[in-house]
């Protein structure tokens, strides 16, 4: 059973309330792709009247992390997940509604399969691209996710 946007958005409200209050919302998810939306508003802006970089980071991380969570759930094994590194590039002021999309579901599924098969932790870089309503790229984030089997106690 895969995760739905409503389940992830409810999770945000209870476990990551700062992202929820900033307006970060998962819009679509399947095994390969996740799309997140956030709208520039007065409470998530920087002094330069564009979206604060940390709000963009929350939205972009969710687009990658939701795919990791979805894949772990599909495998039915106890796998932990954690961001080890991230990189970001900002190319345009983020105003209006920004959409972050990650297309790396297959890559993280393969990393999770490998960690389940070998018992060794794996890392996988995932990319999330943020575009404004005109389809212009405003930022690009890369997250290095680590996955490993949870130890039995």
C-alpha atoms as a PDB file:
ATOM      1  CA  UNK A   1       0.000   0.000   0.000  1.00  0.00           C
ATOM      2  CA  UNK A   2       1.504   3.313  -1.058  1.00  0.00           C
ATOM      3  CA  UNK A   3       1.351   6.588   0.795  1.00  0.00           C
ATOM      4  CA  UNK A   4      -1.100   9.270  -0.286  1.00  0.00           C
ATOM      5  CA  UNK A   5      -0.673  13.040  -0.244  1.00  0.00           C
ATOM      6  CA  UNK A   6      -3.286  13.346   2.513  1.00  0.00           C
ATOM      7  CA  UNK A   7      -1.417  10.850   4.723  1.00  0.00           C
ATOM      8  CA  UNK A   8       1.898  12.643   4.218  1.00  0.00           C
ATOM      9  CA  UNK A   9       0.331  16.074   4.781  1.00  0.00           C
ATOM     10  CA  UNK A  10      -1.240  14.842   8.041  1.00  0.00           C
ATOM     11  CA  UNK A  11       2.190  13.501   9.033  1.00  0.00           C
ATOM     12  CA  UNK A  12       3.600  16.992   8.330  1.00  0.00           C
ATOM     13  CA  UNK A  13       1.062  18.619  10.630  1.00  0.00           C
ATOM     14  CA  UNK A  14       1.989  16.394  13.580  1.00  0.00           C
ATOM     15  CA  UNK A  15       5.690  15.659  13.001  1.00  0.00           C
ATOM     16  CA  UNK A  16       6.992  18.644  10.979  1.00  0.00           C
ATOM     17  CA  UNK A  17       4.650  21.495  11.915  1.00  0.00           C
ATOM     18  CA  UNK A  18       7.003  24.257  10.743  1.00  0.00           C
ATOM     19  CA  UNK A  19       6.801  22.878   7.186  1.00  0.00           C
ATOM     20  CA  UNK A  20       3.015  22.574   7.435  1.00  0.00           C
ATOM     21  CA  UNK A  21       2.566  26.138   8.730  1.00  0.00           C
ATOM     22  CA  UNK A  22       4.818  27.469   5.952  1.00  0.00           C
ATOM     23  CA  UNK A  23       2.432  25.921   3.424  1.00  0.00           C
ATOM     24  CA  UNK A  24       4.511  22.942   2.257  1.00  0.00           C
ATOM     25  CA  UNK A  25       2.147  20.308   0.798  1.00  0.00           C
ATOM     26  CA  UNK A  26       2.688  17.049  -1.049  1.00  0.00           C
ATOM     27  CA  UNK A  27       0.530  17.178  -4.180  1.00  0.00           C
ATOM     28  CA  UNK A  28       1.331  13.911  -5.996  1.00  0.00           C
ATOM     29  CA  UNK A  29       3.255  10.735  -5.329  1.00  0.00           C
ATOM     30  CA  UNK A  30       3.781   7.395  -7.030  1.00  0.00           C
ATOM     31  CA  UNK A  31       6.640   4.882  -7.023  1.00  0.00           C
ATOM     32  CA  UNK A  32       8.866   7.080  -9.202  1.00  0.00           C
ATOM     33  CA  UNK A  33       7.840  10.706  -8.698  1.00  0.00           C
ATOM     34  CA  UNK A  34       6.764  13.118  -5.995  1.00  0.00           C
ATOM     35  CA  UNK A  35       5.574  16.703  -6.376  1.00  0.00           C
ATOM     36  CA  UNK A  36       5.409  19.269  -3.568  1.00  0.00           C
ATOM     37  CA  UNK A  37       3.976  22.768  -3.646  1.00  0.00           C
ATOM     38  CA  UNK A  38       4.546  25.840  -1.488  1.00  0.00           C
ATOM     39  CA  UNK A  39       3.304  29.393  -2.003  1.00  0.00           C
ATOM     40  CA  UNK A  40       5.344  32.503  -1.254  1.00  0.00           C
ATOM     41  CA  UNK A  41       3.616  34.425   1.565  1.00  0.00           C
ATOM     42  CA  UNK A  42       4.621  37.111   4.036  1.00  0.00           C
ATOM     43  CA  UNK A  43       5.456  34.580   6.789  1.00  0.00           C
ATOM     44  CA  UNK A  44       7.792  32.437   4.652  1.00  0.00           C
ATOM     45  CA  UNK A  45       9.668  35.249   2.928  1.00  0.00           C
ATOM     46  CA  UNK A  46      13.151  36.645   3.404  1.00  0.00           C
ATOM     47  CA  UNK A  47      14.019  40.383   3.623  1.00  0.00           C
ATOM     48  CA  UNK A  48      14.324  40.485  -0.178  1.00  0.00           C
ATOM     49  CA  UNK A  49      10.629  39.673  -0.717  1.00  0.00           C
ATOM     50  CA  UNK A  50      11.163  36.143  -2.011  1.00  0.00           C
ATOM     51  CA  UNK A  51      10.727  32.745  -0.401  1.00  0.00           C
ATOM     52  CA  UNK A  52      13.205  32.029   2.385  1.00  0.00           C
ATOM     53  CA  UNK A  53      15.745  29.370   1.380  1.00  0.00           C
ATOM     54  CA  UNK A  54      14.853  27.130   4.339  1.00  0.00           C
ATOM     55  CA  UNK A  55      11.224  26.932   3.195  1.00  0.00           C
ATOM     56  CA  UNK A  56      12.429  25.848  -0.239  1.00  0.00           C
ATOM     57  CA  UNK A  57      14.680  23.293   1.462  1.00  0.00           C
ATOM     58  CA  UNK A  58      11.742  21.862   3.450  1.00  0.00           C
ATOM     59  CA  UNK A  59       9.621  21.517   0.320  1.00  0.00           C
ATOM     60  CA  UNK A  60      12.398  20.006  -1.765  1.00  0.00           C
ATOM     61  CA  UNK A  61      13.413  17.587   0.988  1.00  0.00           C
ATOM     62  CA  UNK A  62       9.799  16.425   1.263  1.00  0.00           C
ATOM     63  CA  UNK A  63       9.717  15.642  -2.459  1.00  0.00           C
ATOM     64  CA  UNK A  64      12.689  13.301  -1.990  1.00  0.00           C
ATOM     65  CA  UNK A  65      11.842  12.012   1.475  1.00  0.00           C
ATOM     66  CA  UNK A  66       8.288  11.086   0.551  1.00  0.00           C
ATOM     67  CA  UNK A  67       9.697   8.801  -2.149  1.00  0.00           C
ATOM     68  CA  UNK A  68      12.043   7.198   0.395  1.00  0.00           C
ATOM     69  CA  UNK A  69       9.165   6.675   2.850  1.00  0.00           C
ATOM     70  CA  UNK A  70       6.923   5.315   0.103  1.00  0.00           C
ATOM     71  CA  UNK A  71       9.547   2.821  -1.046  1.00  0.00           C
ATOM     72  CA  UNK A  72      10.318   1.655   2.502  1.00  0.00           C
ATOM     73  CA  UNK A  73       6.622   1.120   3.122  1.00  0.00           C
ATOM     74  CA  UNK A  74       6.268  -0.870  -0.118  1.00  0.00           C
ATOM     75  CA  UNK A  75       9.170  -3.174   0.864  1.00  0.00           C
ATOM     76  CA  UNK A  76       7.604  -4.005   4.237  1.00  0.00           C
ATOM     77  CA  UNK A  77      10.980  -4.185   6.004  1.00  0.00           C
ATOM     78  CA  UNK A  78      12.233  -2.080   8.948  1.00  0.00           C
ATOM     79  CA  UNK A  79      14.539   0.384   7.185  1.00  0.00           C
ATOM     80  CA  UNK A  80      15.760   3.651   8.679  1.00  0.00           C
ATOM     81  CA  UNK A  81      16.329   6.770   6.605  1.00  0.00           C
ATOM     82  CA  UNK A  82      18.400   9.873   7.209  1.00  0.00           C
ATOM     83  CA  UNK A  83      19.755  12.794   5.190  1.00  0.00           C
ATOM     84  CA  UNK A  84      23.564  12.734   5.273  1.00  0.00           C
ATOM     85  CA  UNK A  85      24.312  15.697   2.966  1.00  0.00           C
ATOM     86  CA  UNK A  86      22.606  18.273   0.846  1.00  0.00           C
ATOM     87  CA  UNK A  87      23.538  20.834  -1.800  1.00  0.00           C
ATOM     88  CA  UNK A  88      21.468  23.632  -3.265  1.00  0.00           C
ATOM     89  CA  UNK A  89      21.625  26.098  -6.126  1.00  0.00           C
ATOM     90  CA  UNK A  90      19.381  29.154  -6.370  1.00  0.00           C
ATOM     91  CA  UNK A  91      18.918  30.708  -9.818  1.00  0.00           C
ATOM     92  CA  UNK A  92      15.916  33.029  -9.528  1.00  0.00           C
ATOM     93  CA  UNK A  93      13.839  34.729  -6.838  1.00  0.00           C
ATOM     94  CA  UNK A  94      11.170  32.327  -5.616  1.00  0.00           C
ATOM     95  CA  UNK A  95       7.837  34.172  -5.660  1.00  0.00           C
ATOM     96  CA  UNK A  96       4.316  32.934  -6.269  1.00  0.00           C
ATOM     97  CA  UNK A  97       3.683  29.177  -6.072  1.00  0.00           C
ATOM     98  CA  UNK A  98       6.770  26.989  -6.342  1.00  0.00           C
ATOM     99  CA  UNK A  99       6.590  23.313  -7.306  1.00  0.00           C
ATOM    100  CA  UNK A 100       9.342  20.897  -6.324  1.00  0.00           C
ATOM    101  CA  UNK A 101       9.552  17.635  -8.211  1.00  0.00           C
ATOM    102  CA  UNK A 102      11.740  14.585  -7.641  1.00  0.00           C
ATOM    103  CA  UNK A 103      11.910  11.790 -10.219  1.00  0.00           C
ATOM    104  CA  UNK A 104      14.318   9.481  -8.357  1.00  0.00           C
ATOM    105  CA  UNK A 105      11.910   6.906  -6.935  1.00  0.00           C
ATOM    106  CA  UNK A 106      13.459   4.031  -8.882  1.00  0.00           C
ATOM    107  CA  UNK A 107      16.975   4.897  -7.702  1.00  0.00           C
ATOM    108  CA  UNK A 108      16.028   4.944  -4.012  1.00  0.00           C
ATOM    109  CA  UNK A 109      14.002   1.730  -4.416  1.00  0.00           C
ATOM    110  CA  UNK A 110      17.139   0.023  -5.762  1.00  0.00           C
ATOM    111  CA  UNK A 111      19.225   1.323  -2.850  1.00  0.00           C
ATOM    112  CA  UNK A 112      16.642   0.017  -0.380  1.00  0.00           C
ATOM    113  CA  UNK A 113      16.556  -3.356  -2.169  1.00  0.00           C
ATOM    114  CA  UNK A 114      20.347  -3.523  -1.886  1.00  0.00           C
ATOM    115  CA  UNK A 115      20.370  -2.698   1.822  1.00  0.00           C
ATOM    116  CA  UNK A 116      17.705  -5.353   2.461  1.00  0.00           C
ATOM    117  CA  UNK A 117      19.619  -7.953   0.410  1.00  0.00           C
ATOM    118  CA  UNK A 118      23.071  -7.261   1.871  1.00  0.00           C
ATOM    119  CA  UNK A 119      22.277  -5.901   5.321  1.00  0.00           C
ATOM    120  CA  UNK A 120      24.643  -3.012   4.597  1.00  0.00           C
ATOM    121  CA  UNK A 121      23.644   0.624   4.639  1.00  0.00           C
ATOM    122  CA  UNK A 122      23.396   2.409   1.306  1.00  0.00           C
ATOM    123  CA  UNK A 123      23.452   6.026   0.191  1.00  0.00           C
ATOM    124  CA  UNK A 124      21.614   7.593  -2.710  1.00  0.00           C
ATOM    125  CA  UNK A 125      21.679  11.155  -4.018  1.00  0.00           C
ATOM    126  CA  UNK A 126      18.235  12.439  -5.035  1.00  0.00           C
ATOM    127  CA  UNK A 127      17.481  15.647  -6.949  1.00  0.00           C
ATOM    128  CA  UNK A 128      14.525  17.991  -6.487  1.00  0.00           C
ATOM    129  CA  UNK A 129      13.930  20.835  -8.931  1.00  0.00           C
ATOM    130  CA  UNK A 130      11.883  23.872  -7.909  1.00  0.00           C
ATOM    131  CA  UNK A 131       9.982  25.739 -10.603  1.00  0.00           C
ATOM    132  CA  UNK A 132       7.686  28.742 -10.472  1.00  0.00           C
ATOM    133  CA  UNK A 133       4.244  28.933 -12.093  1.00  0.00           C
ATOM    134  CA  UNK A 134       5.857  29.874 -15.411  1.00  0.00           C
ATOM    135  CA  UNK A 135       7.954  26.702 -15.377  1.00  0.00           C
ATOM    136  CA  UNK A 136      11.181  28.607 -14.730  1.00  0.00           C
ATOM    137  CA  UNK A 137      13.666  26.867 -12.423  1.00  0.00           C
ATOM    138  CA  UNK A 138      14.208  28.872  -9.227  1.00  0.00           C
ATOM    139  CA  UNK A 139      16.272  26.339  -7.262  1.00  0.00           C
ATOM    140  CA  UNK A 140      17.681  22.840  -7.385  1.00  0.00           C
ATOM    141  CA  UNK A 141      18.414  20.701  -4.350  1.00  0.00           C
ATOM    142  CA  UNK A 142      20.359  17.465  -3.994  1.00  0.00           C
ATOM    143  CA  UNK A 143      19.932  15.283  -0.903  1.00  0.00           C
ATOM    144  CA  UNK A 144      22.101  12.315  -0.022  1.00  0.00           C
ATOM    145  CA  UNK A 145      19.825   9.838   1.737  1.00  0.00           C
ATOM    146  CA  UNK A 146      21.208   6.974   3.786  1.00  0.00           C
ATOM    147  CA  UNK A 147      19.127   3.841   4.291  1.00  0.00           C
ATOM    148  CA  UNK A 148      19.901   0.859   6.473  1.00  0.00           C
ATOM    149  CA  UNK A 149      18.115  -2.012   8.128  1.00  0.00           C
ATOM    150  CA  UNK A 150      17.024  -1.247  11.654  1.00  0.00           C
ATOM    151  CA  UNK A 151      18.828  -3.376  14.193  1.00  0.00           C
ATOM    152  CA  UNK A 152      16.871  -5.975  16.151  1.00  0.00           C
ATOM    153  CA  UNK A 153      16.924  -5.423  19.886  1.00  0.00           C
END
